[in-house]
Amino acid sequence: MRPRLNRKDAAMRPHLNRKDATMRSLAFAVALGTLLGCGGTQPPAPAAPSDETLSRDTRAGRLAYLQERPDEAIAQYRAALVRAQARDDIAAIGDLGYNLAVAELRANAPARALAVARATREELERRGRQAFAGLLLVEATAYYRSGDGRAADALAARVQAAGDPEAAARATFLRGLMADERDDASGLSAATAALRPNPEPALQADALELAARLALRGGAAERAEADAAHAVALRQDALDYRGLARALALQGQATLRLGRPRIAADLYLRAGRSAAAQGDPATARPWLLQAQTLADDEGVARAVAEALQKLDTMPAGERGGAGS
């Protein structure tokens, strides 16, 4: 099985290096929700002779990531990647480059994630290996969050054609999100239609979020509000807090269209507070400022002012916006 991408913050998730439980067949929970599939049904490769240093650093990175310590995970995965390069183990290099890029995204460092994912893909291709769908999706997400929609769209299209159904669904969501941002109603409509019902909460949430965005464009604000609210609940179940914050802001937009500015102010406050708690002030600030503009309740206004004051003590992110 190829390494798999989990979709929590575009939600991707690190997986183990080779020895532990046949390493590359496993994936672990990540920030950007749902597992983005395991491509193929080949049996696992025989275990290579153990490199305990490589295994130890990989396990440490995984543990740090699962405990939501992305900076520590980055350090451990980087050390493991250096060891894999010393070993000249292309399978481990691919796995660890993927894991490191996911951790960089989790740390709100899309430029660094992009550099790692692109270099990993290029090395795999240079050595005659096909880049797996998860790695392509990480790179597409990093391009998107770095502000290069054209490159992100091209890579997402490659993921759609790669034969991994769940990765393709995530790529479809990403393309739909970008279509909405560039006012491409037909592209948004096509992506919404392509996402089929799925029992996985994060995949359901993707479909609902695109449906809400399409409903807003069609003037159906009440339907958009309901779909966005449902997406919020599903993102929470999937532990996809970046997506949850985005869905809260979308629900606020729909509620405002329905003429309920007080409720919209509270929703924008909650969206901004969630993004700030995730260490993403660049995403949080516009939502909090919108809440400040709408607030006519003393409690909401005070909460917004406090949240904005806290933002001033946080380092700015690499990019604004509410990306996947």
C-alpha atoms as a PDB file:
ATOM      1  CA  MET A   1       0.000   0.000   0.000  1.00  0.00           C
ATOM      2  CA  ARG A   2       1.152   3.487  -0.698  1.00  0.00           C
ATOM      3  CA  PRO A   3       1.542   6.008   2.114  1.00  0.00           C
ATOM      4  CA  ARG A   4      -1.752   7.604   2.950  1.00  0.00           C
ATOM      5  CA  LEU A   5      -2.859  11.128   3.615  1.00  0.00           C
ATOM      6  CA  ASN A   6      -5.231  12.031   6.382  1.00  0.00           C
ATOM      7  CA  ARG A   7      -7.235  15.150   5.917  1.00  0.00           C
ATOM      8  CA  LYS A   8      -7.406  17.142   8.909  1.00  0.00           C
ATOM      9  CA  ASP A   9      -5.963  20.844   8.068  1.00  0.00           C
ATOM     10  CA  ALA A  10      -6.084  19.669   4.371  1.00  0.00           C
ATOM     11  CA  ALA A  11      -5.695  17.190   7.331  1.00  0.00           C
ATOM     12  CA  MET A  12      -3.019  15.088   6.460  1.00  0.00           C
ATOM     13  CA  ARG A  13      -1.287  12.692   8.701  1.00  0.00           C
ATOM     14  CA  PRO A  14       2.157  11.242   9.210  1.00  0.00           C
ATOM     15  CA  HIS A  15       2.741   7.537   8.806  1.00  0.00           C
ATOM     16  CA  LEU A  16       5.476   5.311  10.144  1.00  0.00           C
ATOM     17  CA  ASN A  17       8.753   4.521   8.473  1.00  0.00           C
ATOM     18  CA  ARG A  18       9.392   0.966   7.382  1.00  0.00           C
ATOM     19  CA  LYS A  19       9.791  -1.465  10.244  1.00  0.00           C
ATOM     20  CA  ASP A  20       6.932  -0.708  12.664  1.00  0.00           C
ATOM     21  CA  ALA A  21       3.844  -2.613  11.525  1.00  0.00           C
ATOM     22  CA  THR A  22       5.099  -2.610   7.950  1.00  0.00           C
ATOM     23  CA  MET A  23       5.532   1.105   8.277  1.00  0.00           C
ATOM     24  CA  ARG A  24       4.405   2.553   4.998  1.00  0.00           C
ATOM     25  CA  SER A  25       1.000   0.829   5.123  1.00  0.00           C
ATOM     26  CA  LEU A  26      -0.036   2.855   8.164  1.00  0.00           C
ATOM     27  CA  ALA A  27      -1.315   6.406   8.505  1.00  0.00           C
ATOM     28  CA  PHE A  28      -1.997   8.408  11.606  1.00  0.00           C
ATOM     29  CA  ALA A  29      -4.395  11.164  12.451  1.00  0.00           C
ATOM     30  CA  VAL A  30      -3.545  14.663  11.283  1.00  0.00           C
ATOM     31  CA  ALA A  31      -4.648  18.093  11.444  1.00  0.00           C
ATOM     32  CA  LEU A  32      -6.396  18.885   8.007  1.00  0.00           C
ATOM     33  CA  GLY A  33      -9.704  14.897   9.234  1.00  0.00           C
ATOM     34  CA  THR A  34     -10.181  11.904   7.123  1.00  0.00           C
ATOM     35  CA  LEU A  35      -7.924   9.265   5.729  1.00  0.00           C
ATOM     36  CA  LEU A  36      -7.055   9.819   2.113  1.00  0.00           C
ATOM     37  CA  GLY A  37      -6.764   6.321   1.033  1.00  0.00           C
ATOM     38  CA  CYS A  38      -4.329   3.572   0.510  1.00  0.00           C
ATOM     39  CA  GLY A  39      -3.706   3.008  -3.165  1.00  0.00           C
ATOM     40  CA  GLY A  40      -3.357  -0.528  -4.417  1.00  0.00           C
ATOM     41  CA  THR A  41      -3.495  -3.962  -2.840  1.00  0.00           C
ATOM     42  CA  GLN A  42       0.108  -5.103  -3.075  1.00  0.00           C
ATOM     43  CA  PRO A  43       1.398  -7.091  -0.086  1.00  0.00           C
ATOM     44  CA  PRO A  44       3.839  -5.227   2.143  1.00  0.00           C
ATOM     45  CA  ALA A  45       7.483  -5.422   1.183  1.00  0.00           C
ATOM     46  CA  PRO A  46       9.712  -7.584   3.359  1.00  0.00           C
ATOM     47  CA  ALA A  47      11.164  -5.659   6.271  1.00  0.00           C
ATOM     48  CA  ALA A  48      14.576  -4.183   5.589  1.00  0.00           C
ATOM     49  CA  PRO A  49      17.385  -4.654   8.115  1.00  0.00           C
ATOM     50  CA  SER A  50      16.579  -2.445  11.062  1.00  0.00           C
ATOM     51  CA  ASP A  51      18.136   0.988  11.508  1.00  0.00           C
ATOM     52  CA  GLU A  52      17.258   1.718  15.123  1.00  0.00           C
ATOM     53  CA  THR A  53      18.240   5.385  14.897  1.00  0.00           C
ATOM     54  CA  LEU A  54      15.934   5.897  11.939  1.00  0.00           C
ATOM     55  CA  SER A  55      13.102   4.021  13.657  1.00  0.00           C
ATOM     56  CA  ARG A  56      13.583   5.898  16.933  1.00  0.00           C
ATOM     57  CA  ASP A  57      13.531   9.346  15.329  1.00  0.00           C
ATOM     58  CA  THR A  58      10.484   8.414  13.249  1.00  0.00           C
ATOM     59  CA  ARG A  59       8.572   7.156  16.290  1.00  0.00           C
ATOM     60  CA  ALA A  60       9.498  10.286  18.221  1.00  0.00           C
ATOM     61  CA  GLY A  61       8.227  12.464  15.381  1.00  0.00           C
ATOM     62  CA  ARG A  62       4.973  10.566  15.200  1.00  0.00           C
ATOM     63  CA  LEU A  63       4.439  10.791  18.958  1.00  0.00           C
ATOM     64  CA  ALA A  64       5.148  14.533  19.006  1.00  0.00           C
ATOM     65  CA  TYR A  65       2.761  15.072  16.115  1.00  0.00           C
ATOM     66  CA  LEU A  66      -0.052  13.119  17.757  1.00  0.00           C
ATOM     67  CA  GLN A  67       0.497  15.102  20.957  1.00  0.00           C
ATOM     68  CA  GLU A  68       0.101  18.328  18.949  1.00  0.00           C
ATOM     69  CA  ARG A  69       3.702  19.444  19.291  1.00  0.00           C
ATOM     70  CA  PRO A  70       4.413  20.177  15.620  1.00  0.00           C
ATOM     71  CA  ASP A  71       7.718  21.994  16.178  1.00  0.00           C
ATOM     72  CA  GLU A  72       9.109  18.972  18.001  1.00  0.00           C
ATOM     73  CA  ALA A  73       7.684  16.666  15.321  1.00  0.00           C
ATOM     74  CA  ILE A  74       9.437  18.751  12.662  1.00  0.00           C
ATOM     75  CA  ALA A  75      12.793  18.399  14.436  1.00  0.00           C
ATOM     76  CA  GLN A  76      12.406  14.631  14.839  1.00  0.00           C
ATOM     77  CA  TYR A  77      11.206  14.022  11.294  1.00  0.00           C
ATOM     78  CA  ARG A  78      14.010  16.170   9.920  1.00  0.00           C
ATOM     79  CA  ALA A  79      16.553  14.123  11.856  1.00  0.00           C
ATOM     80  CA  ALA A  80      14.961  10.910  10.576  1.00  0.00           C
ATOM     81  CA  LEU A  81      15.016  12.239   7.011  1.00  0.00           C
ATOM     82  CA  VAL A  82      18.736  13.012   7.288  1.00  0.00           C
ATOM     83  CA  ARG A  83      19.287   9.456   8.501  1.00  0.00           C
ATOM     84  CA  ALA A  84      17.233   8.071   5.592  1.00  0.00           C
ATOM     85  CA  GLN A  85      19.385  10.099   3.205  1.00  0.00           C
ATOM     86  CA  ALA A  86      22.538   8.725   4.824  1.00  0.00           C
ATOM     87  CA  ARG A  87      21.076   5.258   4.299  1.00  0.00           C
ATOM     88  CA  ASP A  88      20.067   6.225   0.728  1.00  0.00           C
ATOM     89  CA  ASP A  89      16.692   4.586   1.380  1.00  0.00           C
ATOM     90  CA  ILE A  90      14.328   6.074  -1.197  1.00  0.00           C
ATOM     91  CA  ALA A  91      11.207   4.529   0.357  1.00  0.00           C
ATOM     92  CA  ALA A  92      12.027   6.042   3.750  1.00  0.00           C
ATOM     93  CA  ILE A  93      12.957   9.362   2.106  1.00  0.00           C
ATOM     94  CA  GLY A  94       9.534   9.487   0.465  1.00  0.00           C
ATOM     95  CA  ASP A  95       7.708   8.620   3.682  1.00  0.00           C
ATOM     96  CA  LEU A  96       9.657  11.028   5.858  1.00  0.00           C
ATOM     97  CA  GLY A  97       9.542  13.875   3.351  1.00  0.00           C
ATOM     98  CA  TYR A  98       5.773  13.476   3.384  1.00  0.00           C
ATOM     99  CA  ASN A  99       5.627  13.360   7.192  1.00  0.00           C
ATOM    100  CA  LEU A 100       7.856  16.411   7.524  1.00  0.00           C
ATOM    101  CA  ALA A 101       5.749  18.410   5.047  1.00  0.00           C
ATOM    102  CA  VAL A 102       2.576  17.489   6.947  1.00  0.00           C
ATOM    103  CA  ALA A 103       4.137  18.635  10.221  1.00  0.00           C
ATOM    104  CA  GLU A 104       5.211  21.928   8.612  1.00  0.00           C
ATOM    105  CA  LEU A 105       1.631  22.507   7.456  1.00  0.00           C
ATOM    106  CA  ARG A 106       0.413  21.769  10.964  1.00  0.00           C
ATOM    107  CA  ALA A 107       2.852  24.396  12.241  1.00  0.00           C
ATOM    108  CA  ASN A 108       1.331  26.958   9.810  1.00  0.00           C
ATOM    109  CA  ALA A 109       4.515  27.033   7.722  1.00  0.00           C
ATOM    110  CA  PRO A 110       3.225  26.372   4.187  1.00  0.00           C
ATOM    111  CA  ALA A 111       6.353  27.730   2.461  1.00  0.00           C
ATOM    112  CA  ARG A 112       8.553  25.256   4.317  1.00  0.00           C
ATOM    113  CA  ALA A 113       6.032  22.464   3.721  1.00  0.00           C
ATOM    114  CA  LEU A 114       6.074  23.271   0.019  1.00  0.00           C
ATOM    115  CA  ALA A 115       9.870  23.153  -0.181  1.00  0.00           C
ATOM    116  CA  VAL A 116       9.969  19.729   1.501  1.00  0.00           C
ATOM    117  CA  ALA A 117       7.075  18.216  -0.474  1.00  0.00           C
ATOM    118  CA  ARG A 118       8.385  19.476  -3.815  1.00  0.00           C
ATOM    119  CA  ALA A 119      11.928  18.259  -3.139  1.00  0.00           C
ATOM    120  CA  THR A 120      10.595  14.852  -2.063  1.00  0.00           C
ATOM    121  CA  ARG A 121       8.433  14.500  -5.164  1.00  0.00           C
ATOM    122  CA  GLU A 122      11.292  15.540  -7.436  1.00  0.00           C
ATOM    123  CA  GLU A 123      13.651  13.006  -5.873  1.00  0.00           C
ATOM    124  CA  LEU A 124      11.123  10.189  -6.194  1.00  0.00           C
ATOM    125  CA  GLU A 125      10.577  11.049  -9.857  1.00  0.00           C
ATOM    126  CA  ARG A 126      14.290  11.443 -10.533  1.00  0.00           C
ATOM    127  CA  ARG A 127      14.855   7.938  -9.213  1.00  0.00           C
ATOM    128  CA  GLY A 128      12.073   6.383 -11.257  1.00  0.00           C
ATOM    129  CA  ARG A 129       9.442   6.306  -8.509  1.00  0.00           C
ATOM    130  CA  GLN A 130       5.935   7.641  -8.981  1.00  0.00           C
ATOM    131  CA  ALA A 131       4.960  10.269  -6.416  1.00  0.00           C
ATOM    132  CA  PHE A 132       2.091   8.846  -4.360  1.00  0.00           C
ATOM    133  CA  ALA A 133      -1.246  10.655  -4.161  1.00  0.00           C
ATOM    134  CA  GLY A 134      -0.810  11.746  -0.557  1.00  0.00           C
ATOM    135  CA  LEU A 135       2.457  13.521  -1.298  1.00  0.00           C
ATOM    136  CA  LEU A 136       0.943  15.289  -4.308  1.00  0.00           C
ATOM    137  CA  LEU A 137      -1.979  16.416  -2.162  1.00  0.00           C
ATOM    138  CA  VAL A 138       0.323  17.787   0.542  1.00  0.00           C
ATOM    139  CA  GLU A 139       2.225  19.728  -2.119  1.00  0.00           C
ATOM    140  CA  ALA A 140      -1.010  21.037  -3.643  1.00  0.00           C
ATOM    141  CA  THR A 141      -2.230  22.163  -0.219  1.00  0.00           C
ATOM    142  CA  ALA A 142       1.088  23.863   0.483  1.00  0.00           C
ATOM    143  CA  TYR A 143       0.943  25.691  -2.854  1.00  0.00           C
ATOM    144  CA  TYR A 144      -2.613  26.798  -2.070  1.00  0.00           C
ATOM    145  CA  ARG A 145      -1.767  28.035   1.394  1.00  0.00           C
ATOM    146  CA  SER A 146       1.288  29.820  -0.029  1.00  0.00           C
ATOM    147  CA  GLY A 147      -0.936  31.729  -2.442  1.00  0.00           C
ATOM    148  CA  ASP A 148      -0.144  29.923  -5.709  1.00  0.00           C
ATOM    149  CA  GLY A 149      -3.584  28.750  -6.808  1.00  0.00           C
ATOM    150  CA  ARG A 150      -2.508  27.865 -10.340  1.00  0.00           C
ATOM    151  CA  ALA A 151       0.148  25.370  -9.172  1.00  0.00           C
ATOM    152  CA  ALA A 152      -2.174  24.022  -6.489  1.00  0.00           C
ATOM    153  CA  ASP A 153      -4.917  23.410  -9.039  1.00  0.00           C
ATOM    154  CA  ALA A 154      -2.578  21.614 -11.436  1.00  0.00           C
ATOM    155  CA  LEU A 155      -1.339  19.253  -8.733  1.00  0.00           C
ATOM    156  CA  ALA A 156      -4.839  18.668  -7.387  1.00  0.00           C
ATOM    157  CA  ALA A 157      -5.863  17.620 -10.903  1.00  0.00           C
ATOM    158  CA  ARG A 158      -3.016  15.082 -10.861  1.00  0.00           C
ATOM    159  CA  VAL A 159      -4.310  13.698  -7.564  1.00  0.00           C
ATOM    160  CA  GLN A 160      -7.788  13.326  -9.080  1.00  0.00           C
ATOM    161  CA  ALA A 161      -6.270  11.234 -11.879  1.00  0.00           C
ATOM    162  CA  ALA A 162      -4.050   9.114  -9.606  1.00  0.00           C
ATOM    163  CA  GLY A 163      -6.595   6.380  -8.912  1.00  0.00           C
ATOM    164  CA  ASP A 164      -6.924   6.894  -5.138  1.00  0.00           C
ATOM    165  CA  PRO A 165     -10.646   7.607  -4.525  1.00  0.00           C
ATOM    166  CA  GLU A 166     -10.335   9.314  -1.151  1.00  0.00           C
ATOM    167  CA  ALA A 167      -7.334  11.410  -2.141  1.00  0.00           C
ATOM    168  CA  ALA A 168      -9.231  12.368  -5.292  1.00  0.00           C
ATOM    169  CA  ALA A 169     -12.209  13.444  -3.173  1.00  0.00           C
ATOM    170  CA  ARG A 170      -9.965  15.668  -1.075  1.00  0.00           C
ATOM    171  CA  ALA A 171      -8.398  17.148  -4.196  1.00  0.00           C
ATOM    172  CA  THR A 172     -11.878  17.813  -5.580  1.00  0.00           C
ATOM    173  CA  PHE A 173     -12.752  19.686  -2.398  1.00  0.00           C
ATOM    174  CA  LEU A 174      -9.571  21.759  -2.645  1.00  0.00           C
ATOM    175  CA  ARG A 175     -10.341  22.649  -6.268  1.00  0.00           C
ATOM    176  CA  GLY A 176     -13.897  23.587  -5.320  1.00  0.00           C
ATOM    177  CA  LEU A 177     -12.644  25.825  -2.524  1.00  0.00           C
ATOM    178  CA  MET A 178     -10.278  27.575  -4.927  1.00  0.00           C
ATOM    179  CA  ALA A 179     -13.029  27.930  -7.548  1.00  0.00           C
ATOM    180  CA  ASP A 180     -15.231  29.687  -5.001  1.00  0.00           C
ATOM    181  CA  GLU A 181     -12.415  32.039  -4.027  1.00  0.00           C
ATOM    182  CA  ARG A 182     -11.844  33.088  -7.637  1.00  0.00           C
ATOM    183  CA  ASP A 183     -15.600  33.512  -8.303  1.00  0.00           C
ATOM    184  CA  ASP A 184     -15.721  30.517 -10.636  1.00  0.00           C
ATOM    185  CA  ALA A 185     -19.317  29.403 -10.097  1.00  0.00           C
ATOM    186  CA  SER A 186     -19.144  26.647 -12.708  1.00  0.00           C
ATOM    187  CA  GLY A 187     -15.996  25.189 -11.180  1.00  0.00           C
ATOM    188  CA  LEU A 188     -17.582  25.252  -7.726  1.00  0.00           C
ATOM    189  CA  SER A 189     -20.726  23.612  -9.094  1.00  0.00           C
ATOM    190  CA  ALA A 190     -18.717  20.858 -10.800  1.00  0.00           C
ATOM    191  CA  ALA A 191     -16.713  20.127  -7.650  1.00  0.00           C
ATOM    192  CA  THR A 192     -19.862  20.073  -5.514  1.00  0.00           C
ATOM    193  CA  ALA A 193     -21.532  17.632  -7.886  1.00  0.00           C
ATOM    194  CA  ALA A 194     -18.461  15.383  -7.917  1.00  0.00           C
ATOM    195  CA  LEU A 195     -18.381  14.867  -4.155  1.00  0.00           C
ATOM    196  CA  ARG A 196     -20.623  11.924  -3.427  1.00  0.00           C
ATOM    197  CA  PRO A 197     -22.091  10.927  -0.035  1.00  0.00           C
ATOM    198  CA  ASN A 198     -19.548   9.241   2.198  1.00  0.00           C
ATOM    199  CA  PRO A 199     -19.853   7.857   5.748  1.00  0.00           C
ATOM    200  CA  GLU A 200     -16.579   9.458   6.802  1.00  0.00           C
ATOM    201  CA  PRO A 201     -17.372  12.688   8.740  1.00  0.00           C
ATOM    202  CA  ALA A 202     -14.626  14.799   7.156  1.00  0.00           C
ATOM    203  CA  LEU A 203     -15.628  13.761   3.633  1.00  0.00           C
ATOM    204  CA  GLN A 204     -19.267  14.549   4.448  1.00  0.00           C
ATOM    205  CA  ALA A 205     -18.149  17.932   5.781  1.00  0.00           C
ATOM    206  CA  ASP A 206     -16.269  18.682   2.561  1.00  0.00           C
ATOM    207  CA  ALA A 207     -19.391  18.028   0.501  1.00  0.00           C
ATOM    208  CA  LEU A 208     -21.559  20.110   2.827  1.00  0.00           C
ATOM    209  CA  GLU A 209     -19.130  23.024   2.821  1.00  0.00           C
ATOM    210  CA  LEU A 210     -19.037  23.193  -0.972  1.00  0.00           C
ATOM    211  CA  ALA A 211     -22.838  22.841  -1.073  1.00  0.00           C
ATOM    212  CA  ALA A 212     -23.157  25.746   1.357  1.00  0.00           C
ATOM    213  CA  ARG A 213     -20.872  27.906  -0.758  1.00  0.00           C
ATOM    214  CA  LEU A 214     -22.853  27.046  -3.880  1.00  0.00           C
ATOM    215  CA  ALA A 215     -26.142  27.787  -2.096  1.00  0.00           C
ATOM    216  CA  LEU A 216     -24.848  31.207  -1.057  1.00  0.00           C
ATOM    217  CA  ARG A 217     -23.988  31.991  -4.666  1.00  0.00           C
ATOM    218  CA  GLY A 218     -27.493  30.944  -5.673  1.00  0.00           C
ATOM    219  CA  GLY A 219     -29.145  33.166  -3.089  1.00  0.00           C
ATOM    220  CA  ALA A 220     -30.273  30.247  -0.885  1.00  0.00           C
ATOM    221  CA  ALA A 221     -28.867  31.613   2.366  1.00  0.00           C
ATOM    222  CA  GLU A 222     -31.096  29.515   4.601  1.00  0.00           C
ATOM    223  CA  ARG A 223     -29.911  26.303   2.951  1.00  0.00           C
ATOM    224  CA  ALA A 224     -26.319  27.541   3.113  1.00  0.00           C
ATOM    225  CA  GLU A 225     -26.634  28.249   6.832  1.00  0.00           C
ATOM    226  CA  ALA A 226     -27.977  24.761   7.531  1.00  0.00           C
ATOM    227  CA  ASP A 227     -25.285  23.037   5.470  1.00  0.00           C
ATOM    228  CA  ALA A 228     -22.523  25.095   7.073  1.00  0.00           C
ATOM    229  CA  ALA A 229     -23.830  24.338  10.573  1.00  0.00           C
ATOM    230  CA  HIS A 230     -23.860  20.623   9.781  1.00  0.00           C
ATOM    231  CA  ALA A 231     -20.306  20.897   8.418  1.00  0.00           C
ATOM    232  CA  VAL A 232     -19.210  22.565  11.684  1.00  0.00           C
ATOM    233  CA  ALA A 233     -20.474  19.595  13.695  1.00  0.00           C
ATOM    234  CA  LEU A 234     -18.813  17.078  11.396  1.00  0.00           C
ATOM    235  CA  ARG A 235     -15.491  18.952  11.408  1.00  0.00           C
ATOM    236  CA  GLN A 236     -15.585  18.838  15.189  1.00  0.00           C
ATOM    237  CA  ASP A 237     -16.196  15.067  15.128  1.00  0.00           C
ATOM    238  CA  ALA A 238     -13.285  14.645  12.704  1.00  0.00           C
ATOM    239  CA  LEU A 239     -10.977  16.783  14.890  1.00  0.00           C
ATOM    240  CA  ASP A 240     -10.514  19.037  11.847  1.00  0.00           C
ATOM    241  CA  TYR A 241     -10.302  22.339  13.658  1.00  0.00           C
ATOM    242  CA  ARG A 242      -8.962  24.355  10.739  1.00  0.00           C
ATOM    243  CA  GLY A 243     -11.941  23.229   8.687  1.00  0.00           C
ATOM    244  CA  LEU A 244     -14.228  23.859  11.645  1.00  0.00           C
ATOM    245  CA  ALA A 245     -13.113  27.490  11.899  1.00  0.00           C
ATOM    246  CA  ARG A 246     -13.661  27.965   8.165  1.00  0.00           C
ATOM    247  CA  ALA A 247     -17.139  26.425   8.378  1.00  0.00           C
ATOM    248  CA  LEU A 248     -18.052  28.686  11.322  1.00  0.00           C
ATOM    249  CA  ALA A 249     -17.099  31.728   9.253  1.00  0.00           C
ATOM    250  CA  LEU A 250     -19.137  30.396   6.329  1.00  0.00           C
ATOM    251  CA  GLN A 251     -22.119  29.922   8.634  1.00  0.00           C
ATOM    252  CA  GLY A 252     -21.629  33.503   9.821  1.00  0.00           C
ATOM    253  CA  GLN A 253     -21.665  34.732   6.218  1.00  0.00           C
ATOM    254  CA  ALA A 254     -24.937  32.885   5.556  1.00  0.00           C
ATOM    255  CA  THR A 255     -26.487  34.120   8.789  1.00  0.00           C
ATOM    256  CA  LEU A 256     -25.585  37.683   7.905  1.00  0.00           C
ATOM    257  CA  ARG A 257     -27.312  37.256   4.531  1.00  0.00           C
ATOM    258  CA  LEU A 258     -30.414  36.192   6.464  1.00  0.00           C
ATOM    259  CA  GLY A 259     -30.416  39.521   8.314  1.00  0.00           C
ATOM    260  CA  ARG A 260     -29.158  38.238  11.674  1.00  0.00           C
ATOM    261  CA  PRO A 261     -26.030  40.311  12.350  1.00  0.00           C
ATOM    262  CA  ARG A 262     -25.934  39.584  16.078  1.00  0.00           C
ATOM    263  CA  ILE A 263     -25.755  35.831  15.496  1.00  0.00           C
ATOM    264  CA  ALA A 264     -23.283  36.357  12.646  1.00  0.00           C
ATOM    265  CA  ALA A 265     -21.020  38.386  14.955  1.00  0.00           C
ATOM    266  CA  ASP A 266     -20.902  35.517  17.418  1.00  0.00           C
ATOM    267  CA  LEU A 267     -20.100  33.009  14.649  1.00  0.00           C
ATOM    268  CA  TYR A 268     -17.261  35.144  13.290  1.00  0.00           C
ATOM    269  CA  LEU A 269     -15.937  35.555  16.844  1.00  0.00           C
ATOM    270  CA  ARG A 270     -15.919  31.786  17.329  1.00  0.00           C
ATOM    271  CA  ALA A 271     -14.243  31.241  13.954  1.00  0.00           C
ATOM    272  CA  GLY A 272     -11.527  33.780  14.718  1.00  0.00           C
ATOM    273  CA  ARG A 273     -10.988  32.466  18.231  1.00  0.00           C
ATOM    274  CA  SER A 274     -10.581  28.907  16.910  1.00  0.00           C
ATOM    275  CA  ALA A 275      -8.051  29.993  14.289  1.00  0.00           C
ATOM    276  CA  ALA A 276      -6.126  32.004  16.891  1.00  0.00           C
ATOM    277  CA  ALA A 277      -6.066  29.019  19.255  1.00  0.00           C
ATOM    278  CA  GLN A 278      -4.500  27.013  16.409  1.00  0.00           C
ATOM    279  CA  GLY A 279      -1.684  29.544  16.167  1.00  0.00           C
ATOM    280  CA  ASP A 280      -2.918  31.128  12.925  1.00  0.00           C
ATOM    281  CA  PRO A 281      -3.341  34.870  13.543  1.00  0.00           C
ATOM    282  CA  ALA A 282      -3.340  35.750   9.837  1.00  0.00           C
ATOM    283  CA  THR A 283      -6.499  33.683   9.355  1.00  0.00           C
ATOM    284  CA  ALA A 284      -8.065  34.724  12.652  1.00  0.00           C
ATOM    285  CA  ARG A 285      -7.779  38.493  12.298  1.00  0.00           C
ATOM    286  CA  PRO A 286     -10.187  39.137   9.365  1.00  0.00           C
ATOM    287  CA  TRP A 287     -12.899  37.076  11.044  1.00  0.00           C
ATOM    288  CA  LEU A 288     -12.432  38.865  14.364  1.00  0.00           C
ATOM    289  CA  LEU A 289     -12.534  42.239  12.627  1.00  0.00           C
ATOM    290  CA  GLN A 290     -15.780  41.216  10.928  1.00  0.00           C
ATOM    291  CA  ALA A 291     -17.179  40.221  14.316  1.00  0.00           C
ATOM    292  CA  GLN A 292     -16.097  43.590  15.710  1.00  0.00           C
ATOM    293  CA  THR A 293     -17.917  45.408  12.895  1.00  0.00           C
ATOM    294  CA  LEU A 294     -21.139  43.464  13.478  1.00  0.00           C
ATOM    295  CA  ALA A 295     -21.128  43.268  17.270  1.00  0.00           C
ATOM    296  CA  ASP A 296     -23.937  45.137  19.008  1.00  0.00           C
ATOM    297  CA  ASP A 297     -23.800  43.002  22.145  1.00  0.00           C
ATOM    298  CA  GLU A 298     -21.490  44.126  24.935  1.00  0.00           C
ATOM    299  CA  GLY A 299     -20.330  40.611  25.737  1.00  0.00           C
ATOM    300  CA  VAL A 300     -19.429  39.800  22.135  1.00  0.00           C
ATOM    301  CA  ALA A 301     -17.702  43.157  21.667  1.00  0.00           C
ATOM    302  CA  ARG A 302     -15.625  42.593  24.793  1.00  0.00           C
ATOM    303  CA  ALA A 303     -14.686  39.048  23.740  1.00  0.00           C
ATOM    304  CA  VAL A 304     -13.653  40.276  20.291  1.00  0.00           C
ATOM    305  CA  ALA A 305     -11.515  43.053  21.775  1.00  0.00           C
ATOM    306  CA  GLU A 306      -9.767  40.573  24.058  1.00  0.00           C
ATOM    307  CA  ALA A 307      -9.149  38.155  21.196  1.00  0.00           C
ATOM    308  CA  LEU A 308      -7.705  40.896  18.998  1.00  0.00           C
ATOM    309  CA  GLN A 309      -5.450  42.042  21.818  1.00  0.00           C
ATOM    310  CA  LYS A 310      -4.089  38.506  22.193  1.00  0.00           C
ATOM    311  CA  LEU A 311      -3.429  38.358  18.451  1.00  0.00           C
ATOM    312  CA  ASP A 312      -1.082  41.316  18.726  1.00  0.00           C
ATOM    313  CA  THR A 313       1.248  39.201  20.875  1.00  0.00           C
ATOM    314  CA  MET A 314       1.357  36.320  18.363  1.00  0.00           C
ATOM    315  CA  PRO A 315       3.781  36.075  15.439  1.00  0.00           C
ATOM    316  CA  ALA A 316       2.146  36.623  12.051  1.00  0.00           C
ATOM    317  CA  GLY A 317       1.564  33.540   9.907  1.00  0.00           C
ATOM    318  CA  GLU A 318       3.120  33.047   6.502  1.00  0.00           C
ATOM    319  CA  ARG A 319      -0.126  33.732   4.735  1.00  0.00           C
ATOM    320  CA  GLY A 320      -3.561  35.095   5.485  1.00  0.00           C
ATOM    321  CA  GLY A 321      -6.815  33.487   4.459  1.00  0.00           C
ATOM    322  CA  ALA A 322      -8.678  30.410   5.558  1.00  0.00           C
ATOM    323  CA  GLY A 323      -7.084  27.691   3.516  1.00  0.00           C
ATOM    324  CA  SER A 324      -7.645  23.984   3.571  1.00  0.00           C
END
